[in-house]
Amino acid sequence: MKKITLTIESASGLHARPAGTFVAKAQNFEAEIGIEKNGNTINGKSIIGILGLAVGPGDEITITADGSDEELAISALERLVKEEIKHQ
């Protein structure tokens, strides 16, 4: 299992559009993807789960990937959060 902790830099957090972007990217991988915030972990391939975490600007999340392509998944999702979601 691979994991990374990131701070959300988007001014609006992970609202519907960036959550959808995250889910679309996560679904490209066979690995199980999880997102944890404040001890609550959800399926990173579920938009409802992500919205339920209520991730706001400045919040820290931990993304986990467990499976055959976990390294690729973590790299791609880290890049997504740092570069693309930051501007949505």
PDB file of N, CA and C in Angstrom:
ATOM      1  N   MET A   1       0.848  -1.183   0.000  1.00  0.00           N
ATOM      2  CA  MET A   1       0.000   0.000   0.000  1.00  0.00           C
ATOM      3  C   MET A   1       0.886   1.235   0.000  1.00  0.00           C
ATOM      4  N   LYS A   2       0.503   2.200  -0.807  1.00  0.00           N
ATOM      5  CA  LYS A   2       1.185   3.497  -0.882  1.00  0.00           C
ATOM      6  C   LYS A   2       0.236   4.553  -0.346  1.00  0.00           C
ATOM      7  N   LYS A   3       0.807   5.597   0.268  1.00  0.00           N
ATOM      8  CA  LYS A   3      -0.040   6.693   0.729  1.00  0.00           C
ATOM      9  C   LYS A   3       0.734   7.994   0.724  1.00  0.00           C
ATOM     10  N   ILE A   4      -0.018   9.066   0.658  1.00  0.00           N
ATOM     11  CA  ILE A   4       0.553  10.407   0.664  1.00  0.00           C
ATOM     12  C   ILE A   4      -0.419  11.342   1.372  1.00  0.00           C
ATOM     13  N   THR A   5       0.113  12.274   2.135  1.00  0.00           N
ATOM     14  CA  THR A   5      -0.717  13.274   2.806  1.00  0.00           C
ATOM     15  C   THR A   5      -0.511  14.615   2.106  1.00  0.00           C
ATOM     16  N   LEU A   6      -1.615  15.255   1.764  1.00  0.00           N
ATOM     17  CA  LEU A   6      -1.597  16.518   1.023  1.00  0.00           C
ATOM     18  C   LEU A   6      -2.492  17.545   1.705  1.00  0.00           C
ATOM     19  N   THR A   7      -2.160  18.799   1.532  1.00  0.00           N
ATOM     20  CA  THR A   7      -3.011  19.899   1.978  1.00  0.00           C
ATOM     21  C   THR A   7      -3.773  20.418   0.772  1.00  0.00           C
ATOM     22  N   ILE A   8      -5.069  20.586   0.924  1.00  0.00           N
ATOM     23  CA  ILE A   8      -5.911  21.080  -0.173  1.00  0.00           C
ATOM     24  C   ILE A   8      -5.701  22.586  -0.313  1.00  0.00           C
ATOM     25  N   GLU A   9      -5.226  23.000  -1.481  1.00  0.00           N
ATOM     26  CA  GLU A   9      -4.931  24.409  -1.730  1.00  0.00           C
ATOM     27  C   GLU A   9      -6.038  25.125  -2.494  1.00  0.00           C
ATOM     28  N   SER A  10      -7.019  24.385  -2.976  1.00  0.00           N
ATOM     29  CA  SER A  10      -8.130  24.982  -3.691  1.00  0.00           C
ATOM     30  C   SER A  10      -8.933  25.884  -2.753  1.00  0.00           C
ATOM     31  N   ALA A  11      -9.301  27.051  -3.219  1.00  0.00           N
ATOM     32  CA  ALA A  11     -10.047  28.005  -2.395  1.00  0.00           C
ATOM     33  C   ALA A  11     -11.428  27.490  -1.999  1.00  0.00           C
ATOM     34  N   SER A  12     -11.934  26.510  -2.720  1.00  0.00           N
ATOM     35  CA  SER A  12     -13.262  25.975  -2.401  1.00  0.00           C
ATOM     36  C   SER A  12     -13.224  24.520  -1.948  1.00  0.00           C
ATOM     37  N   GLY A  13     -12.036  23.959  -1.727  1.00  0.00           N
ATOM     38  CA  GLY A  13     -11.934  22.587  -1.242  1.00  0.00           C
ATOM     39  C   GLY A  13     -12.287  21.578  -2.319  1.00  0.00           C
ATOM     40  N   LEU A  14     -12.770  20.433  -1.890  1.00  0.00           N
ATOM     41  CA  LEU A  14     -13.170  19.388  -2.837  1.00  0.00           C
ATOM     42  C   LEU A  14     -14.682  19.393  -3.003  1.00  0.00           C
ATOM     43  N   HIS A  15     -15.201  20.440  -3.626  1.00  0.00           N
ATOM     44  CA  HIS A  15     -16.631  20.508  -3.917  1.00  0.00           C
ATOM     45  C   HIS A  15     -16.925  19.609  -5.118  1.00  0.00           C
ATOM     46  N   ALA A  16     -18.097  19.677  -5.670  1.00  0.00           N
ATOM     47  CA  ALA A  16     -18.565  18.723  -6.684  1.00  0.00           C
ATOM     48  C   ALA A  16     -17.642  18.590  -7.897  1.00  0.00           C
ATOM     49  N   ARG A  17     -17.216  19.692  -8.494  1.00  0.00           N
ATOM     50  CA  ARG A  17     -16.404  19.594  -9.716  1.00  0.00           C
ATOM     51  C   ARG A  17     -15.055  18.912  -9.452  1.00  0.00           C
ATOM     52  N   PRO A  18     -14.261  19.378  -8.470  1.00  0.00           N
ATOM     53  CA  PRO A  18     -12.986  18.685  -8.240  1.00  0.00           C
ATOM     54  C   PRO A  18     -13.164  17.264  -7.707  1.00  0.00           C
ATOM     55  N   ALA A  19     -14.223  17.013  -6.964  1.00  0.00           N
ATOM     56  CA  ALA A  19     -14.479  15.649  -6.496  1.00  0.00           C
ATOM     57  C   ALA A  19     -14.745  14.741  -7.697  1.00  0.00           C
ATOM     58  N   GLY A  20     -15.509  15.232  -8.658  1.00  0.00           N
ATOM     59  CA  GLY A  20     -15.774  14.465  -9.876  1.00  0.00           C
ATOM     60  C   GLY A  20     -14.506  14.218 -10.681  1.00  0.00           C
ATOM     61  N   THR A  21     -13.652  15.223 -10.745  1.00  0.00           N
ATOM     62  CA  THR A  21     -12.372  15.085 -11.436  1.00  0.00           C
ATOM     63  C   THR A  21     -11.514  14.022 -10.757  1.00  0.00           C
ATOM     64  N   PHE A  22     -11.488  14.051  -9.424  1.00  0.00           N
ATOM     65  CA  PHE A  22     -10.711  13.073  -8.661  1.00  0.00           C
ATOM     66  C   PHE A  22     -11.233  11.660  -8.918  1.00  0.00           C
ATOM     67  N   VAL A  23     -12.535  11.476  -8.838  1.00  0.00           N
ATOM     68  CA  VAL A  23     -13.142  10.159  -9.035  1.00  0.00           C
ATOM     69  C   VAL A  23     -12.856   9.644 -10.447  1.00  0.00           C
ATOM     70  N   ALA A  24     -12.989  10.509 -11.435  1.00  0.00           N
ATOM     71  CA  ALA A  24     -12.731  10.092 -12.818  1.00  0.00           C
ATOM     72  C   ALA A  24     -11.301   9.593 -12.973  1.00  0.00           C
ATOM     73  N   LYS A  25     -10.353  10.281 -12.361  1.00  0.00           N
ATOM     74  CA  LYS A  25      -8.950   9.857 -12.431  1.00  0.00           C
ATOM     75  C   LYS A  25      -8.750   8.555 -11.649  1.00  0.00           C
ATOM     76  N   ALA A  26      -9.313   8.476 -10.446  1.00  0.00           N
ATOM     77  CA  ALA A  26      -9.136   7.298  -9.594  1.00  0.00           C
ATOM     78  C   ALA A  26      -9.682   6.036 -10.258  1.00  0.00           C
ATOM     79  N   GLN A  27     -10.755   6.172 -11.019  1.00  0.00           N
ATOM     80  CA  GLN A  27     -11.370   5.011 -11.666  1.00  0.00           C
ATOM     81  C   GLN A  27     -10.516   4.430 -12.787  1.00  0.00           C
ATOM     82  N   ASN A  28      -9.473   5.148 -13.185  1.00  0.00           N
ATOM     83  CA  ASN A  28      -8.559   4.633 -14.206  1.00  0.00           C
ATOM     84  C   ASN A  28      -7.608   3.569 -13.671  1.00  0.00           C
ATOM     85  N   PHE A  29      -7.600   3.360 -12.369  1.00  0.00           N
ATOM     86  CA  PHE A  29      -6.646   2.448 -11.752  1.00  0.00           C
ATOM     87  C   PHE A  29      -7.351   1.243 -11.150  1.00  0.00           C
ATOM     88  N   GLU A  30      -6.657   0.105 -11.176  1.00  0.00           N
ATOM     89  CA  GLU A  30      -7.185  -1.111 -10.567  1.00  0.00           C
ATOM     90  C   GLU A  30      -7.075  -1.051  -9.048  1.00  0.00           C
ATOM     91  N   ALA A  31      -6.093  -0.315  -8.545  1.00  0.00           N
ATOM     92  CA  ALA A  31      -5.865  -0.232  -7.099  1.00  0.00           C
ATOM     93  C   ALA A  31      -7.095   0.321  -6.390  1.00  0.00           C
ATOM     94  N   GLU A  32      -7.286  -0.137  -5.159  1.00  0.00           N
ATOM     95  CA  GLU A  32      -8.310   0.457  -4.307  1.00  0.00           C
ATOM     96  C   GLU A  32      -7.773   1.806  -3.837  1.00  0.00           C
ATOM     97  N   ILE A  33      -8.588   2.832  -3.958  1.00  0.00           N
ATOM     98  CA  ILE A  33      -8.190   4.189  -3.593  1.00  0.00           C
ATOM     99  C   ILE A  33      -9.003   4.617  -2.382  1.00  0.00           C
ATOM    100  N   GLY A  34      -8.334   5.172  -1.394  1.00  0.00           N
ATOM    101  CA  GLY A  34      -9.012   5.679  -0.213  1.00  0.00           C
ATOM    102  C   GLY A  34      -8.597   7.117   0.048  1.00  0.00           C
ATOM    103  N   ILE A  35      -9.487   7.868   0.672  1.00  0.00           N
ATOM    104  CA  ILE A  35      -9.166   9.223   1.133  1.00  0.00           C
ATOM    105  C   ILE A  35      -9.547   9.293   2.597  1.00  0.00           C
ATOM    106  N   GLU A  36      -8.609   9.776   3.403  1.00  0.00           N
ATOM    107  CA  GLU A  36      -8.841   9.895   4.843  1.00  0.00           C
ATOM    108  C   GLU A  36      -8.722  11.349   5.260  1.00  0.00           C
ATOM    109  N   LYS A  37      -9.675  11.769   6.087  1.00  0.00           N
ATOM    110  CA  LYS A  37      -9.648  13.105   6.692  1.00  0.00           C
ATOM    111  C   LYS A  37     -10.142  12.961   8.128  1.00  0.00           C
ATOM    112  N   ASN A  38      -9.342  13.416   9.066  1.00  0.00           N
ATOM    113  CA  ASN A  38      -9.717  13.388  10.482  1.00  0.00           C
ATOM    114  C   ASN A  38     -10.186  12.011  10.955  1.00  0.00           C
ATOM    115  N   GLY A  39      -9.498  10.965  10.505  1.00  0.00           N
ATOM    116  CA  GLY A  39      -9.833   9.617  10.962  1.00  0.00           C
ATOM    117  C   GLY A  39     -10.948   8.932  10.203  1.00  0.00           C
ATOM    118  N   ASN A  40     -11.597   9.629   9.291  1.00  0.00           N
ATOM    119  CA  ASN A  40     -12.662   9.037   8.471  1.00  0.00           C
ATOM    120  C   ASN A  40     -12.093   8.686   7.103  1.00  0.00           C
ATOM    121  N   THR A  41     -12.235   7.430   6.690  1.00  0.00           N
ATOM    122  CA  THR A  41     -11.723   6.991   5.400  1.00  0.00           C
ATOM    123  C   THR A  41     -12.881   6.580   4.507  1.00  0.00           C
ATOM    124  N   ILE A  42     -12.823   7.033   3.266  1.00  0.00           N
ATOM    125  CA  ILE A  42     -13.873   6.712   2.297  1.00  0.00           C
ATOM    126  C   ILE A  42     -13.245   6.129   1.035  1.00  0.00           C
ATOM    127  N   ASN A  43     -14.075   5.560   0.185  1.00  0.00           N
ATOM    128  CA  ASN A  43     -13.657   5.045  -1.115  1.00  0.00           C
ATOM    129  C   ASN A  43     -13.402   6.238  -2.038  1.00  0.00           C
ATOM    130  N   GLY A  44     -12.172   6.362  -2.516  1.00  0.00           N
ATOM    131  CA  GLY A  44     -11.800   7.472  -3.392  1.00  0.00           C
ATOM    132  C   GLY A  44     -12.395   7.400  -4.777  1.00  0.00           C
ATOM    133  N   LYS A  45     -13.138   6.343  -5.063  1.00  0.00           N
ATOM    134  CA  LYS A  45     -13.806   6.221  -6.352  1.00  0.00           C
ATOM    135  C   LYS A  45     -15.298   6.537  -6.221  1.00  0.00           C
ATOM    136  N   SER A  46     -15.678   7.123  -5.088  1.00  0.00           N
ATOM    137  CA  SER A  46     -17.076   7.458  -4.814  1.00  0.00           C
ATOM    138  C   SER A  46     -17.228   8.965  -4.615  1.00  0.00           C
ATOM    139  N   ILE A  47     -17.920   9.618  -5.530  1.00  0.00           N
ATOM    140  CA  ILE A  47     -18.113  11.058  -5.399  1.00  0.00           C
ATOM    141  C   ILE A  47     -18.927  11.390  -4.144  1.00  0.00           C
ATOM    142  N   ILE A  48     -19.897  10.555  -3.818  1.00  0.00           N
ATOM    143  CA  ILE A  48     -20.706  10.777  -2.620  1.00  0.00           C
ATOM    144  C   ILE A  48     -19.815  10.698  -1.376  1.00  0.00           C
ATOM    145  N   GLY A  49     -18.917   9.727  -1.360  1.00  0.00           N
ATOM    146  CA  GLY A  49     -17.993   9.600  -0.234  1.00  0.00           C
ATOM    147  C   GLY A  49     -17.112  10.818  -0.076  1.00  0.00           C
ATOM    148  N   ILE A  50     -16.566  11.306  -1.189  1.00  0.00           N
ATOM    149  CA  ILE A  50     -15.687  12.480  -1.138  1.00  0.00           C
ATOM    150  C   ILE A  50     -16.466  13.696  -0.658  1.00  0.00           C
ATOM    151  N   LEU A  51     -17.648  13.916  -1.202  1.00  0.00           N
ATOM    152  CA  LEU A  51     -18.452  15.066  -0.776  1.00  0.00           C
ATOM    153  C   LEU A  51     -18.812  14.958   0.698  1.00  0.00           C
ATOM    154  N   GLY A  52     -19.039  13.731   1.180  1.00  0.00           N
ATOM    155  CA  GLY A  52     -19.375  13.513   2.580  1.00  0.00           C
ATOM    156  C   GLY A  52     -18.245  13.859   3.539  1.00  0.00           C
ATOM    157  N   LEU A  53     -17.003  13.812   3.061  1.00  0.00           N
ATOM    158  CA  LEU A  53     -15.870  14.198   3.911  1.00  0.00           C
ATOM    159  C   LEU A  53     -15.822  15.697   4.167  1.00  0.00           C
ATOM    160  N   ALA A  54     -16.491  16.468   3.320  1.00  0.00           N
ATOM    161  CA  ALA A  54     -16.517  17.936   3.453  1.00  0.00           C
ATOM    162  C   ALA A  54     -15.106  18.504   3.557  1.00  0.00           C
ATOM    163  N   VAL A  55     -14.281  18.203   2.562  1.00  0.00           N
ATOM    164  CA  VAL A  55     -12.901  18.670   2.537  1.00  0.00           C
ATOM    165  C   VAL A  55     -12.880  20.130   2.102  1.00  0.00           C
ATOM    166  N   GLY A  56     -12.390  20.969   2.977  1.00  0.00           N
ATOM    167  CA  GLY A  56     -12.327  22.392   2.696  1.00  0.00           C
ATOM    168  C   GLY A  56     -10.916  22.862   2.422  1.00  0.00           C
ATOM    169  N   PRO A  57     -10.772  24.134   2.067  1.00  0.00           N
ATOM    170  CA  PRO A  57      -9.445  24.682   1.809  1.00  0.00           C
ATOM    171  C   PRO A  57      -8.581  24.606   3.065  1.00  0.00           C
ATOM    172  N   GLY A  58      -7.339  24.181   2.874  1.00  0.00           N
ATOM    173  CA  GLY A  58      -6.408  24.065   3.990  1.00  0.00           C
ATOM    174  C   GLY A  58      -6.490  22.743   4.738  1.00  0.00           C
ATOM    175  N   ASP A  59      -7.488  21.909   4.440  1.00  0.00           N
ATOM    176  CA  ASP A  59      -7.607  20.609   5.104  1.00  0.00           C
ATOM    177  C   ASP A  59      -6.519  19.661   4.596  1.00  0.00           C
ATOM    178  N   GLU A  60      -6.073  18.778   5.479  1.00  0.00           N
ATOM    179  CA  GLU A  60      -5.142  17.728   5.095  1.00  0.00           C
ATOM    180  C   GLU A  60      -5.913  16.446   4.831  1.00  0.00           C
ATOM    181  N   ILE A  61      -5.560  15.793   3.738  1.00  0.00           N
ATOM    182  CA  ILE A  61      -6.134  14.487   3.425  1.00  0.00           C
ATOM    183  C   ILE A  61      -4.984  13.506   3.183  1.00  0.00           C
ATOM    184  N   THR A  62      -5.255  12.247   3.434  1.00  0.00           N
ATOM    185  CA  THR A  62      -4.304  11.193   3.101  1.00  0.00           C
ATOM    186  C   THR A  62      -4.946  10.318   2.044  1.00  0.00           C
ATOM    187  N   ILE A  63      -4.248  10.183   0.925  1.00  0.00           N
ATOM    188  CA  ILE A  63      -4.715   9.344  -0.171  1.00  0.00           C
ATOM    189  C   ILE A  63      -3.948   8.029  -0.090  1.00  0.00           C
ATOM    190  N   THR A  64      -4.665   6.921  -0.148  1.00  0.00           N
ATOM    191  CA  THR A  64      -4.031   5.604  -0.151  1.00  0.00           C
ATOM    192  C   THR A  64      -4.387   4.871  -1.436  1.00  0.00           C
ATOM    193  N   ALA A  65      -3.464   4.047  -1.876  1.00  0.00           N
ATOM    194  CA  ALA A  65      -3.697   3.193  -3.039  1.00  0.00           C
ATOM    195  C   ALA A  65      -3.139   1.819  -2.708  1.00  0.00           C
ATOM    196  N   ASP A  66      -3.934   0.792  -2.963  1.00  0.00           N
ATOM    197  CA  ASP A  66      -3.523  -0.571  -2.659  1.00  0.00           C
ATOM    198  C   ASP A  66      -3.892  -1.460  -3.831  1.00  0.00           C
ATOM    199  N   GLY A  67      -2.882  -1.923  -4.544  1.00  0.00           N
ATOM    200  CA  GLY A  67      -3.132  -2.796  -5.684  1.00  0.00           C
ATOM    201  C   GLY A  67      -1.960  -2.791  -6.639  1.00  0.00           C
ATOM    202  N   SER A  68      -2.135  -3.457  -7.755  1.00  0.00           N
ATOM    203  CA  SER A  68      -1.039  -3.663  -8.701  1.00  0.00           C
ATOM    204  C   SER A  68      -0.473  -2.375  -9.293  1.00  0.00           C
ATOM    205  N   ASP A  69      -1.295  -1.350  -9.428  1.00  0.00           N
ATOM    206  CA  ASP A  69      -0.832  -0.082 -10.005  1.00  0.00           C
ATOM    207  C   ASP A  69      -0.845   1.056  -8.972  1.00  0.00           C
ATOM    208  N   GLU A  70      -0.610   0.709  -7.706  1.00  0.00           N
ATOM    209  CA  GLU A  70      -0.698   1.688  -6.623  1.00  0.00           C
ATOM    210  C   GLU A  70       0.291   2.845  -6.769  1.00  0.00           C
ATOM    211  N   GLU A  71       1.496   2.566  -7.235  1.00  0.00           N
ATOM    212  CA  GLU A  71       2.479   3.646  -7.389  1.00  0.00           C
ATOM    213  C   GLU A  71       2.040   4.637  -8.455  1.00  0.00           C
ATOM    214  N   LEU A  72       1.554   4.131  -9.579  1.00  0.00           N
ATOM    215  CA  LEU A  72       1.045   5.012 -10.637  1.00  0.00           C
ATOM    216  C   LEU A  72      -0.148   5.817 -10.145  1.00  0.00           C
ATOM    217  N   ALA A  73      -1.023   5.164  -9.400  1.00  0.00           N
ATOM    218  CA  ALA A  73      -2.221   5.831  -8.895  1.00  0.00           C
ATOM    219  C   ALA A  73      -1.850   6.975  -7.955  1.00  0.00           C
ATOM    220  N   ILE A  74      -0.959   6.721  -7.010  1.00  0.00           N
ATOM    221  CA  ILE A  74      -0.566   7.769  -6.055  1.00  0.00           C
ATOM    222  C   ILE A  74       0.073   8.936  -6.781  1.00  0.00           C
ATOM    223  N   SER A  75       0.962   8.651  -7.726  1.00  0.00           N
ATOM    224  CA  SER A  75       1.623   9.719  -8.485  1.00  0.00           C
ATOM    225  C   SER A  75       0.616  10.565  -9.250  1.00  0.00           C
ATOM    226  N   ALA A  76      -0.302   9.902  -9.935  1.00  0.00           N
ATOM    227  CA  ALA A  76      -1.290  10.626 -10.743  1.00  0.00           C
ATOM    228  C   ALA A  76      -2.240  11.438  -9.869  1.00  0.00           C
ATOM    229  N   LEU A  77      -2.680  10.876  -8.757  1.00  0.00           N
ATOM    230  CA  LEU A  77      -3.626  11.584  -7.885  1.00  0.00           C
ATOM    231  C   LEU A  77      -2.940  12.728  -7.141  1.00  0.00           C
ATOM    232  N   GLU A  78      -1.680  12.555  -6.783  1.00  0.00           N
ATOM    233  CA  GLU A  78      -0.932  13.657  -6.170  1.00  0.00           C
ATOM    234  C   GLU A  78      -0.818  14.825  -7.149  1.00  0.00           C
ATOM    235  N   ARG A  79      -0.433  14.516  -8.376  1.00  0.00           N
ATOM    236  CA  ARG A  79      -0.310  15.550  -9.409  1.00  0.00           C
ATOM    237  C   ARG A  79      -1.654  16.237  -9.643  1.00  0.00           C
ATOM    238  N   LEU A  80      -2.721  15.458  -9.668  1.00  0.00           N
ATOM    239  CA  LEU A  80      -4.061  16.006  -9.870  1.00  0.00           C
ATOM    240  C   LEU A  80      -4.423  17.007  -8.773  1.00  0.00           C
ATOM    241  N   VAL A  81      -4.201  16.616  -7.518  1.00  0.00           N
ATOM    242  CA  VAL A  81      -4.557  17.491  -6.395  1.00  0.00           C
ATOM    243  C   VAL A  81      -3.679  18.739  -6.369  1.00  0.00           C
ATOM    244  N   LYS A  82      -2.392  18.578  -6.618  1.00  0.00           N
ATOM    245  CA  LYS A  82      -1.451  19.700  -6.542  1.00  0.00           C
ATOM    246  C   LYS A  82      -1.559  20.657  -7.711  1.00  0.00           C
ATOM    247  N   GLU A  83      -1.881  20.148  -8.896  1.00  0.00           N
ATOM    248  CA  GLU A  83      -1.809  20.987 -10.089  1.00  0.00           C
ATOM    249  C   GLU A  83      -3.171  21.332 -10.701  1.00  0.00           C
ATOM    250  N   GLU A  84      -4.093  20.375 -10.767  1.00  0.00           N
ATOM    251  CA  GLU A  84      -5.353  20.626 -11.467  1.00  0.00           C
ATOM    252  C   GLU A  84      -6.473  21.061 -10.529  1.00  0.00           C
ATOM    253  N   ILE A  85      -6.703  20.306  -9.480  1.00  0.00           N
ATOM    254  CA  ILE A  85      -7.793  20.618  -8.563  1.00  0.00           C
ATOM    255  C   ILE A  85      -7.563  21.950  -7.873  1.00  0.00           C
ATOM    256  N   LYS A  86      -6.322  22.290  -7.670  1.00  0.00           N
ATOM    257  CA  LYS A  86      -5.959  23.559  -7.028  1.00  0.00           C
ATOM    258  C   LYS A  86      -6.607  24.754  -7.736  1.00  0.00           C
ATOM    259  N   HIS A  87      -6.843  24.621  -9.038  1.00  0.00           N
ATOM    260  CA  HIS A  87      -7.358  25.741  -9.832  1.00  0.00           C
ATOM    261  C   HIS A  87      -8.835  25.627 -10.177  1.00  0.00           C
ATOM    262  N   GLN A  88      -9.530  24.639  -9.595  1.00  0.00           N
ATOM    263  CA  GLN A  88     -10.969  24.484  -9.934  1.00  0.00           C
ATOM    264  C   GLN A  88     -11.833  25.202  -8.939  1.00  0.00           C
TER     265      GLN A  88
END
